[in-house]
């Protein structure tokens, strides 16, 4: 099984990027082909053999990753699966690529693998990095309904069948949009605790656009993918959860602005999932209302 890797960078972490590339090159088995996409930023000097794309402007996370996919031919077709890795991450074990190959080869319906993210100093996996509701035990692997954007592997047949990441989202929830489309097409998603990406513990709110885009994209996610009766339920639950968390006044204003934007701006093509997919998500432990 041929593997490629897409690494998106803003050009501001050259040392971390080089360490990540070294960890990819150290993987067991056949070499993993790598493309580094400079998302509106020039790239530093990179090892020989690494493919590069320098974009003149920042296309956002999904837009930049889609460019990386196409660097491996239409829909990434030159390889069988693609690893998507954060530029400040690191693969601490040399068997991750081999485990990916074995997992995809063993299960023809497995479409996406979500890695476990762990802090390199403490080994702790943040609860938000376990892509399921029952997240208390990050060491338990399971079938899930979404995946982590900067620490995953996607079979390129999935991308060929359901399309790439939604570029309109720019940042936040683009993985769940792809996950729902993949599940609706019959693919499965696994969270694997034994496939690890080291990444420093951070808060998602460090991004200035976090609150607005999280709210806007929640609404877009529902409008694009859910049957009409479930849209107000899903959005209403997230509104109540946000208020229950008592965000600061500036954060709440940004969130409400994004919430309004989600209803009043185009969200891209609508492809509502089938009701049997709703039931499938429910049996997997996360009905698409939360």
C-alpha atoms as a PDB file:
ATOM      1  CA  UNK A   1       0.000   0.000   0.000  1.00  0.00           C
ATOM      2  CA  UNK A   2       1.445   3.335  -1.111  1.00  0.00           C
ATOM      3  CA  UNK A   3       1.356   6.092   1.502  1.00  0.00           C
ATOM      4  CA  UNK A   4       1.718   9.835   1.107  1.00  0.00           C
ATOM      5  CA  UNK A   5       1.734  12.618   3.685  1.00  0.00           C
ATOM      6  CA  UNK A   6       0.352  16.157   3.482  1.00  0.00           C
ATOM      7  CA  UNK A   7       1.901  18.723   5.817  1.00  0.00           C
ATOM      8  CA  UNK A   8       0.501  22.247   5.929  1.00  0.00           C
ATOM      9  CA  UNK A   9       2.685  25.068   7.248  1.00  0.00           C
ATOM     10  CA  UNK A  10       2.618  28.817   7.673  1.00  0.00           C
ATOM     11  CA  UNK A  11       6.427  28.842   7.531  1.00  0.00           C
ATOM     12  CA  UNK A  12       6.822  29.921  11.155  1.00  0.00           C
ATOM     13  CA  UNK A  13       7.946  26.592  12.675  1.00  0.00           C
ATOM     14  CA  UNK A  14      10.933  25.466  10.563  1.00  0.00           C
ATOM     15  CA  UNK A  15      12.621  23.459  13.324  1.00  0.00           C
ATOM     16  CA  UNK A  16       9.444  21.579  14.250  1.00  0.00           C
ATOM     17  CA  UNK A  17       8.700  20.972  10.573  1.00  0.00           C
ATOM     18  CA  UNK A  18      12.152  19.501   9.982  1.00  0.00           C
ATOM     19  CA  UNK A  19      11.768  17.220  13.014  1.00  0.00           C
ATOM     20  CA  UNK A  20       8.402  16.021  11.704  1.00  0.00           C
ATOM     21  CA  UNK A  21       9.871  15.307   8.267  1.00  0.00           C
ATOM     22  CA  UNK A  22      12.688  13.333   9.890  1.00  0.00           C
ATOM     23  CA  UNK A  23      10.138  11.280  11.836  1.00  0.00           C
ATOM     24  CA  UNK A  24       8.199  10.522   8.644  1.00  0.00           C
ATOM     25  CA  UNK A  25      11.400   9.509   6.849  1.00  0.00           C
ATOM     26  CA  UNK A  26      12.235   7.154   9.735  1.00  0.00           C
ATOM     27  CA  UNK A  27       9.044   5.106   9.317  1.00  0.00           C
ATOM     28  CA  UNK A  28       9.419   1.377   8.722  1.00  0.00           C
ATOM     29  CA  UNK A  29       8.700  -0.096   5.312  1.00  0.00           C
ATOM     30  CA  UNK A  30       8.455   1.631   1.960  1.00  0.00           C
ATOM     31  CA  UNK A  31       9.159   5.386   2.066  1.00  0.00           C
ATOM     32  CA  UNK A  32       6.219   7.716   2.640  1.00  0.00           C
ATOM     33  CA  UNK A  33       5.991  10.329  -0.116  1.00  0.00           C
ATOM     34  CA  UNK A  34       5.652  13.819   1.371  1.00  0.00           C
ATOM     35  CA  UNK A  35       4.286  17.143   0.178  1.00  0.00           C
ATOM     36  CA  UNK A  36       4.692  20.330   2.230  1.00  0.00           C
ATOM     37  CA  UNK A  37       2.237  23.101   1.418  1.00  0.00           C
ATOM     38  CA  UNK A  38       3.219  26.660   2.289  1.00  0.00           C
ATOM     39  CA  UNK A  39      -0.183  28.188   3.036  1.00  0.00           C
ATOM     40  CA  UNK A  40       0.414  31.771   1.966  1.00  0.00           C
ATOM     41  CA  UNK A  41       3.992  31.673   3.197  1.00  0.00           C
ATOM     42  CA  UNK A  42       7.398  30.827   1.675  1.00  0.00           C
ATOM     43  CA  UNK A  43       8.865  27.472   2.604  1.00  0.00           C
ATOM     44  CA  UNK A  44      12.201  26.971   4.351  1.00  0.00           C
ATOM     45  CA  UNK A  45      14.851  24.714   2.889  1.00  0.00           C
ATOM     46  CA  UNK A  46      13.533  21.139   2.937  1.00  0.00           C
ATOM     47  CA  UNK A  47      15.107  17.704   2.474  1.00  0.00           C
ATOM     48  CA  UNK A  48      15.627  16.416  -1.035  1.00  0.00           C
ATOM     49  CA  UNK A  49      12.700  14.444  -2.384  1.00  0.00           C
ATOM     50  CA  UNK A  50      10.012  16.371  -0.496  1.00  0.00           C
ATOM     51  CA  UNK A  51       7.375  17.791  -2.828  1.00  0.00           C
ATOM     52  CA  UNK A  52       6.557  21.444  -2.234  1.00  0.00           C
ATOM     53  CA  UNK A  53       3.724  23.836  -3.046  1.00  0.00           C
ATOM     54  CA  UNK A  54       3.863  27.535  -2.145  1.00  0.00           C
ATOM     55  CA  UNK A  55       0.444  29.200  -2.191  1.00  0.00           C
ATOM     56  CA  UNK A  56       0.306  32.972  -2.742  1.00  0.00           C
ATOM     57  CA  UNK A  57      -2.406  33.341  -0.100  1.00  0.00           C
ATOM     58  CA  UNK A  58      -3.686  31.504   2.947  1.00  0.00           C
ATOM     59  CA  UNK A  59      -6.503  29.217   1.783  1.00  0.00           C
ATOM     60  CA  UNK A  60      -7.297  28.007   5.277  1.00  0.00           C
ATOM     61  CA  UNK A  61      -6.727  24.518   6.637  1.00  0.00           C
ATOM     62  CA  UNK A  62      -9.126  22.600   4.362  1.00  0.00           C
ATOM     63  CA  UNK A  63      -8.140  24.586   1.269  1.00  0.00           C
ATOM     64  CA  UNK A  64      -4.437  24.060   1.902  1.00  0.00           C
ATOM     65  CA  UNK A  65      -4.876  20.354   2.570  1.00  0.00           C
ATOM     66  CA  UNK A  66      -6.922  19.940  -0.614  1.00  0.00           C
ATOM     67  CA  UNK A  67      -4.022  21.430  -2.551  1.00  0.00           C
ATOM     68  CA  UNK A  68      -1.765  18.877  -0.869  1.00  0.00           C
ATOM     69  CA  UNK A  69      -4.096  16.073  -1.927  1.00  0.00           C
ATOM     70  CA  UNK A  70      -3.941  17.177  -5.552  1.00  0.00           C
ATOM     71  CA  UNK A  71      -0.131  17.208  -5.402  1.00  0.00           C
ATOM     72  CA  UNK A  72      -0.459  13.410  -5.537  1.00  0.00           C
ATOM     73  CA  UNK A  73      -2.562  13.517  -8.688  1.00  0.00           C
ATOM     74  CA  UNK A  74      -6.338  14.021  -9.020  1.00  0.00           C
ATOM     75  CA  UNK A  75      -7.904  13.063  -5.708  1.00  0.00           C
ATOM     76  CA  UNK A  76      -4.491  11.929  -4.467  1.00  0.00           C
ATOM     77  CA  UNK A  77      -4.711   8.918  -6.775  1.00  0.00           C
ATOM     78  CA  UNK A  78      -0.957   8.336  -6.996  1.00  0.00           C
ATOM     79  CA  UNK A  79      -1.092   6.839  -3.475  1.00  0.00           C
ATOM     80  CA  UNK A  80      -3.526   4.557  -1.646  1.00  0.00           C
ATOM     81  CA  UNK A  81      -3.756   6.602   1.561  1.00  0.00           C
ATOM     82  CA  UNK A  82      -2.671  10.009   2.802  1.00  0.00           C
ATOM     83  CA  UNK A  83      -1.439  11.014   6.239  1.00  0.00           C
ATOM     84  CA  UNK A  84      -2.414  14.549   7.298  1.00  0.00           C
ATOM     85  CA  UNK A  85       0.022  15.833   9.920  1.00  0.00           C
ATOM     86  CA  UNK A  86       0.370  19.130  11.814  1.00  0.00           C
ATOM     87  CA  UNK A  87       3.693  20.834  11.120  1.00  0.00           C
ATOM     88  CA  UNK A  88       4.468  21.080  14.845  1.00  0.00           C
ATOM     89  CA  UNK A  89       3.697  17.411  15.426  1.00  0.00           C
ATOM     90  CA  UNK A  90       6.049  14.433  15.495  1.00  0.00           C
ATOM     91  CA  UNK A  91       5.660  10.694  14.942  1.00  0.00           C
ATOM     92  CA  UNK A  92       7.511   9.264  17.970  1.00  0.00           C
ATOM     93  CA  UNK A  93       7.209   5.638  16.863  1.00  0.00           C
ATOM     94  CA  UNK A  94       8.631   4.148  13.671  1.00  0.00           C
ATOM     95  CA  UNK A  95       5.754   1.725  13.129  1.00  0.00           C
ATOM     96  CA  UNK A  96       2.914   4.221  12.518  1.00  0.00           C
ATOM     97  CA  UNK A  97       3.035   3.950   8.722  1.00  0.00           C
ATOM     98  CA  UNK A  98       3.183   0.156   8.943  1.00  0.00           C
ATOM     99  CA  UNK A  99       0.210   0.065  11.299  1.00  0.00           C
ATOM    100  CA  UNK A 100      -1.735   2.261   8.868  1.00  0.00           C
ATOM    101  CA  UNK A 101      -0.998  -0.057   5.979  1.00  0.00           C
ATOM    102  CA  UNK A 102      -1.976  -3.114   8.007  1.00  0.00           C
ATOM    103  CA  UNK A 103      -5.226  -1.519   9.204  1.00  0.00           C
ATOM    104  CA  UNK A 104      -6.340  -0.464   5.728  1.00  0.00           C
ATOM    105  CA  UNK A 105      -5.379  -3.811   4.197  1.00  0.00           C
ATOM    106  CA  UNK A 106      -7.192  -5.781   6.916  1.00  0.00           C
ATOM    107  CA  UNK A 107     -10.485  -3.867   6.564  1.00  0.00           C
ATOM    108  CA  UNK A 108     -11.566  -2.847   3.042  1.00  0.00           C
ATOM    109  CA  UNK A 109     -14.332  -0.611   4.450  1.00  0.00           C
ATOM    110  CA  UNK A 110     -12.018   1.301   6.777  1.00  0.00           C
ATOM    111  CA  UNK A 111     -11.764   4.755   5.237  1.00  0.00           C
ATOM    112  CA  UNK A 112     -10.188   6.989   7.896  1.00  0.00           C
ATOM    113  CA  UNK A 113      -7.887   6.451  10.878  1.00  0.00           C
ATOM    114  CA  UNK A 114      -7.652   9.036  13.657  1.00  0.00           C
ATOM    115  CA  UNK A 115      -4.366   8.997  15.577  1.00  0.00           C
ATOM    116  CA  UNK A 116      -3.966   9.642  19.299  1.00  0.00           C
ATOM    117  CA  UNK A 117      -2.438  13.050  20.033  1.00  0.00           C
ATOM    118  CA  UNK A 118      -0.206  13.140  23.118  1.00  0.00           C
ATOM    119  CA  UNK A 119       1.835  15.919  24.691  1.00  0.00           C
ATOM    120  CA  UNK A 120       5.550  15.128  24.148  1.00  0.00           C
ATOM    121  CA  UNK A 121       6.528  16.100  27.691  1.00  0.00           C
ATOM    122  CA  UNK A 122       3.675  14.718  29.787  1.00  0.00           C
ATOM    123  CA  UNK A 123       2.248  12.035  27.515  1.00  0.00           C
ATOM    124  CA  UNK A 124      -1.224  13.374  28.293  1.00  0.00           C
ATOM    125  CA  UNK A 125      -3.954  13.209  25.658  1.00  0.00           C
ATOM    126  CA  UNK A 126      -6.439  16.067  25.987  1.00  0.00           C
ATOM    127  CA  UNK A 127     -10.066  15.006  26.256  1.00  0.00           C
ATOM    128  CA  UNK A 128     -10.965  17.085  23.172  1.00  0.00           C
ATOM    129  CA  UNK A 129      -8.489  15.004  21.164  1.00  0.00           C
ATOM    130  CA  UNK A 130     -10.444  11.787  21.684  1.00  0.00           C
ATOM    131  CA  UNK A 131     -13.083  11.899  18.905  1.00  0.00           C
ATOM    132  CA  UNK A 132     -16.004  10.358  20.795  1.00  0.00           C
ATOM    133  CA  UNK A 133     -18.353  11.283  23.622  1.00  0.00           C
ATOM    134  CA  UNK A 134     -16.939   8.684  26.027  1.00  0.00           C
ATOM    135  CA  UNK A 135     -13.450  10.163  26.065  1.00  0.00           C
ATOM    136  CA  UNK A 136     -12.298   9.368  29.594  1.00  0.00           C
ATOM    137  CA  UNK A 137      -9.923   6.620  28.434  1.00  0.00           C
ATOM    138  CA  UNK A 138      -7.771   7.845  25.519  1.00  0.00           C
ATOM    139  CA  UNK A 139      -5.926   4.499  25.450  1.00  0.00           C
ATOM    140  CA  UNK A 140      -9.046   2.668  24.232  1.00  0.00           C
ATOM    141  CA  UNK A 141      -9.277   2.307  20.463  1.00  0.00           C
ATOM    142  CA  UNK A 142     -12.743   2.252  18.921  1.00  0.00           C
ATOM    143  CA  UNK A 143     -14.934   2.978  15.963  1.00  0.00           C
ATOM    144  CA  UNK A 144     -15.821   6.685  15.899  1.00  0.00           C
ATOM    145  CA  UNK A 145     -17.839   9.207  13.904  1.00  0.00           C
ATOM    146  CA  UNK A 146     -15.203  11.900  13.315  1.00  0.00           C
ATOM    147  CA  UNK A 147     -11.423  12.327  13.390  1.00  0.00           C
ATOM    148  CA  UNK A 148      -8.605  14.715  14.253  1.00  0.00           C
ATOM    149  CA  UNK A 149      -7.553  17.030  11.449  1.00  0.00           C
ATOM    150  CA  UNK A 150      -3.774  17.125  11.936  1.00  0.00           C
ATOM    151  CA  UNK A 151      -3.247  13.512  12.963  1.00  0.00           C
ATOM    152  CA  UNK A 152      -4.962  11.074  10.655  1.00  0.00           C
ATOM    153  CA  UNK A 153      -4.781   8.863   7.599  1.00  0.00           C
ATOM    154  CA  UNK A 154      -7.419   8.823   4.848  1.00  0.00           C
ATOM    155  CA  UNK A 155      -7.825   6.213   2.131  1.00  0.00           C
ATOM    156  CA  UNK A 156      -7.751   8.095  -1.177  1.00  0.00           C
ATOM    157  CA  UNK A 157     -10.727   6.070  -2.438  1.00  0.00           C
ATOM    158  CA  UNK A 158     -12.776   7.957   0.143  1.00  0.00           C
ATOM    159  CA  UNK A 159     -11.678  11.294  -1.305  1.00  0.00           C
ATOM    160  CA  UNK A 160     -12.400  10.081  -4.837  1.00  0.00           C
ATOM    161  CA  UNK A 161     -15.906   9.001  -3.816  1.00  0.00           C
ATOM    162  CA  UNK A 162     -17.094  11.815  -1.524  1.00  0.00           C
ATOM    163  CA  UNK A 163     -14.733  14.696  -2.358  1.00  0.00           C
ATOM    164  CA  UNK A 164     -12.184  16.570  -0.307  1.00  0.00           C
ATOM    165  CA  UNK A 165     -12.446  18.909   2.658  1.00  0.00           C
ATOM    166  CA  UNK A 166     -14.933  21.827   2.517  1.00  0.00           C
ATOM    167  CA  UNK A 167     -12.801  24.818   1.615  1.00  0.00           C
ATOM    168  CA  UNK A 168     -15.552  27.264   2.627  1.00  0.00           C
ATOM    169  CA  UNK A 169     -14.982  26.328   6.287  1.00  0.00           C
ATOM    170  CA  UNK A 170     -11.409  27.749   6.332  1.00  0.00           C
ATOM    171  CA  UNK A 171     -10.923  26.531   9.923  1.00  0.00           C
ATOM    172  CA  UNK A 172     -12.942  24.287  12.297  1.00  0.00           C
ATOM    173  CA  UNK A 173     -15.225  21.289  11.782  1.00  0.00           C
ATOM    174  CA  UNK A 174     -14.026  20.489   8.259  1.00  0.00           C
ATOM    175  CA  UNK A 175     -13.052  16.996   9.475  1.00  0.00           C
ATOM    176  CA  UNK A 176     -16.568  16.219  10.710  1.00  0.00           C
ATOM    177  CA  UNK A 177     -18.016  17.347   7.376  1.00  0.00           C
ATOM    178  CA  UNK A 178     -15.769  14.862   5.548  1.00  0.00           C
ATOM    179  CA  UNK A 179     -16.402  12.184   8.189  1.00  0.00           C
ATOM    180  CA  UNK A 180     -20.182  12.411   7.838  1.00  0.00           C
ATOM    181  CA  UNK A 181     -19.966  12.196   4.046  1.00  0.00           C
ATOM    182  CA  UNK A 182     -17.652   9.193   4.303  1.00  0.00           C
ATOM    183  CA  UNK A 183     -19.931   7.409   6.793  1.00  0.00           C
ATOM    184  CA  UNK A 184     -22.938   8.108   4.590  1.00  0.00           C
ATOM    185  CA  UNK A 185     -21.073   6.429   1.713  1.00  0.00           C
ATOM    186  CA  UNK A 186     -20.519   3.300   3.829  1.00  0.00           C
ATOM    187  CA  UNK A 187     -16.950   3.876   5.033  1.00  0.00           C
ATOM    188  CA  UNK A 188     -15.832   3.378   8.643  1.00  0.00           C
ATOM    189  CA  UNK A 189     -13.593   5.509  10.894  1.00  0.00           C
ATOM    190  CA  UNK A 190     -11.301   4.140  13.606  1.00  0.00           C
ATOM    191  CA  UNK A 191      -9.624   5.912  16.511  1.00  0.00           C
ATOM    192  CA  UNK A 192      -6.325   4.128  17.146  1.00  0.00           C
ATOM    193  CA  UNK A 193      -4.632   4.752  20.486  1.00  0.00           C
ATOM    194  CA  UNK A 194      -1.483   2.935  19.317  1.00  0.00           C
ATOM    195  CA  UNK A 195      -0.873   5.371  16.438  1.00  0.00           C
ATOM    196  CA  UNK A 196       0.557   8.432  18.165  1.00  0.00           C
ATOM    197  CA  UNK A 197       1.368  11.976  17.109  1.00  0.00           C
ATOM    198  CA  UNK A 198       3.281  14.064  19.623  1.00  0.00           C
ATOM    199  CA  UNK A 199       1.911  17.599  19.761  1.00  0.00           C
ATOM    200  CA  UNK A 200       2.287  20.282  22.446  1.00  0.00           C
ATOM    201  CA  UNK A 201      -0.794  20.815  24.596  1.00  0.00           C
ATOM    202  CA  UNK A 202      -2.594  23.918  23.344  1.00  0.00           C
ATOM    203  CA  UNK A 203      -5.988  25.596  23.609  1.00  0.00           C
ATOM    204  CA  UNK A 204      -7.981  25.901  20.378  1.00  0.00           C
ATOM    205  CA  UNK A 205      -9.032  29.411  21.405  1.00  0.00           C
ATOM    206  CA  UNK A 206      -5.467  30.572  20.687  1.00  0.00           C
ATOM    207  CA  UNK A 207      -6.696  31.238  17.135  1.00  0.00           C
ATOM    208  CA  UNK A 208      -8.220  34.723  16.843  1.00  0.00           C
ATOM    209  CA  UNK A 209     -11.031  33.443  14.603  1.00  0.00           C
ATOM    210  CA  UNK A 210     -11.851  30.465  16.820  1.00  0.00           C
ATOM    211  CA  UNK A 211     -15.186  31.468  18.367  1.00  0.00           C
ATOM    212  CA  UNK A 212     -16.676  32.947  15.192  1.00  0.00           C
ATOM    213  CA  UNK A 213     -15.705  30.095  12.906  1.00  0.00           C
ATOM    214  CA  UNK A 214     -16.613  27.352  15.357  1.00  0.00           C
ATOM    215  CA  UNK A 215     -20.133  28.793  15.569  1.00  0.00           C
ATOM    216  CA  UNK A 216     -20.507  29.537  11.853  1.00  0.00           C
ATOM    217  CA  UNK A 217     -19.210  26.154  10.793  1.00  0.00           C
ATOM    218  CA  UNK A 218     -21.453  24.275  13.260  1.00  0.00           C
ATOM    219  CA  UNK A 219     -24.432  25.785  11.464  1.00  0.00           C
ATOM    220  CA  UNK A 220     -22.925  25.141   8.036  1.00  0.00           C
ATOM    221  CA  UNK A 221     -22.172  21.550   9.015  1.00  0.00           C
ATOM    222  CA  UNK A 222     -25.815  20.975   9.910  1.00  0.00           C
ATOM    223  CA  UNK A 223     -27.192  22.791   6.864  1.00  0.00           C
ATOM    224  CA  UNK A 224     -24.955  20.828   4.506  1.00  0.00           C
ATOM    225  CA  UNK A 225     -25.321  17.337   5.936  1.00  0.00           C
ATOM    226  CA  UNK A 226     -28.297  16.738   8.222  1.00  0.00           C
ATOM    227  CA  UNK A 227     -31.896  15.856   7.348  1.00  0.00           C
ATOM    228  CA  UNK A 228     -34.015  18.969   7.784  1.00  0.00           C
ATOM    229  CA  UNK A 229     -35.751  17.856  11.048  1.00  0.00           C
ATOM    230  CA  UNK A 230     -32.367  17.410  12.762  1.00  0.00           C
ATOM    231  CA  UNK A 231     -30.862  20.781  11.823  1.00  0.00           C
ATOM    232  CA  UNK A 232     -32.578  22.865  14.556  1.00  0.00           C
ATOM    233  CA  UNK A 233     -31.976  20.109  17.116  1.00  0.00           C
ATOM    234  CA  UNK A 234     -28.235  19.902  16.420  1.00  0.00           C
ATOM    235  CA  UNK A 235     -27.755  23.663  16.307  1.00  0.00           C
ATOM    236  CA  UNK A 236     -29.974  24.222  19.358  1.00  0.00           C
ATOM    237  CA  UNK A 237     -28.037  21.709  21.457  1.00  0.00           C
ATOM    238  CA  UNK A 238     -24.735  23.417  20.626  1.00  0.00           C
ATOM    239  CA  UNK A 239     -26.200  26.831  21.398  1.00  0.00           C
ATOM    240  CA  UNK A 240     -27.302  25.639  24.844  1.00  0.00           C
ATOM    241  CA  UNK A 241     -23.946  23.941  25.507  1.00  0.00           C
ATOM    242  CA  UNK A 242     -22.085  27.105  24.574  1.00  0.00           C
ATOM    243  CA  UNK A 243     -24.181  29.221  26.921  1.00  0.00           C
ATOM    244  CA  UNK A 244     -23.783  26.636  29.708  1.00  0.00           C
ATOM    245  CA  UNK A 245     -20.008  26.939  29.441  1.00  0.00           C
ATOM    246  CA  UNK A 246     -20.314  30.647  30.295  1.00  0.00           C
ATOM    247  CA  UNK A 247     -17.829  32.112  27.804  1.00  0.00           C
ATOM    248  CA  UNK A 248     -16.434  35.589  28.294  1.00  0.00           C
ATOM    249  CA  UNK A 249     -18.476  38.444  26.859  1.00  0.00           C
ATOM    250  CA  UNK A 250     -16.085  39.053  23.894  1.00  0.00           C
ATOM    251  CA  UNK A 251     -16.033  35.323  23.135  1.00  0.00           C
ATOM    252  CA  UNK A 252     -19.834  35.120  23.305  1.00  0.00           C
ATOM    253  CA  UNK A 253     -20.210  38.105  20.982  1.00  0.00           C
ATOM    254  CA  UNK A 254     -17.856  36.491  18.460  1.00  0.00           C
ATOM    255  CA  UNK A 255     -19.705  33.183  18.785  1.00  0.00           C
ATOM    256  CA  UNK A 256     -23.129  34.772  18.262  1.00  0.00           C
ATOM    257  CA  UNK A 257     -21.788  36.682  15.276  1.00  0.00           C
ATOM    258  CA  UNK A 258     -20.569  33.440  13.748  1.00  0.00           C
ATOM    259  CA  UNK A 259     -23.897  31.773  14.592  1.00  0.00           C
ATOM    260  CA  UNK A 260     -25.789  34.462  12.640  1.00  0.00           C
ATOM    261  CA  UNK A 261     -23.293  34.216   9.799  1.00  0.00           C
ATOM    262  CA  UNK A 262     -23.905  30.466   9.577  1.00  0.00           C
ATOM    263  CA  UNK A 263     -27.588  31.041   8.845  1.00  0.00           C
ATOM    264  CA  UNK A 264     -27.224  34.014   6.503  1.00  0.00           C
ATOM    265  CA  UNK A 265     -24.314  33.038   4.239  1.00  0.00           C
ATOM    266  CA  UNK A 266     -23.912  30.272   1.623  1.00  0.00           C
ATOM    267  CA  UNK A 267     -22.576  27.021   3.103  1.00  0.00           C
ATOM    268  CA  UNK A 268     -21.692  25.154  -0.072  1.00  0.00           C
ATOM    269  CA  UNK A 269     -23.500  22.173  -1.594  1.00  0.00           C
ATOM    270  CA  UNK A 270     -26.076  20.339   0.514  1.00  0.00           C
ATOM    271  CA  UNK A 271     -25.921  16.517   0.560  1.00  0.00           C
ATOM    272  CA  UNK A 272     -28.141  15.383   3.409  1.00  0.00           C
ATOM    273  CA  UNK A 273     -27.195  12.051   4.949  1.00  0.00           C
ATOM    274  CA  UNK A 274     -29.657   9.189   4.818  1.00  0.00           C
ATOM    275  CA  UNK A 275     -31.693   8.277   7.878  1.00  0.00           C
ATOM    276  CA  UNK A 276     -29.940   4.934   8.038  1.00  0.00           C
ATOM    277  CA  UNK A 277     -26.688   6.888   8.449  1.00  0.00           C
ATOM    278  CA  UNK A 278     -28.269   8.786  11.327  1.00  0.00           C
ATOM    279  CA  UNK A 279     -29.060   5.445  12.939  1.00  0.00           C
ATOM    280  CA  UNK A 280     -25.534   4.203  12.206  1.00  0.00           C
ATOM    281  CA  UNK A 281     -24.032   7.262  13.917  1.00  0.00           C
ATOM    282  CA  UNK A 282     -26.329   6.655  16.871  1.00  0.00           C
ATOM    283  CA  UNK A 283     -25.219   3.029  17.180  1.00  0.00           C
ATOM    284  CA  UNK A 284     -21.593   4.199  17.063  1.00  0.00           C
ATOM    285  CA  UNK A 285     -22.279   6.305  20.135  1.00  0.00           C
ATOM    286  CA  UNK A 286     -22.738   9.795  18.731  1.00  0.00           C
ATOM    287  CA  UNK A 287     -26.117  10.626  17.188  1.00  0.00           C
ATOM    288  CA  UNK A 288     -25.825  13.693  14.939  1.00  0.00           C
ATOM    289  CA  UNK A 289     -27.585  15.996  17.366  1.00  0.00           C
ATOM    290  CA  UNK A 290     -24.524  16.581  19.560  1.00  0.00           C
END
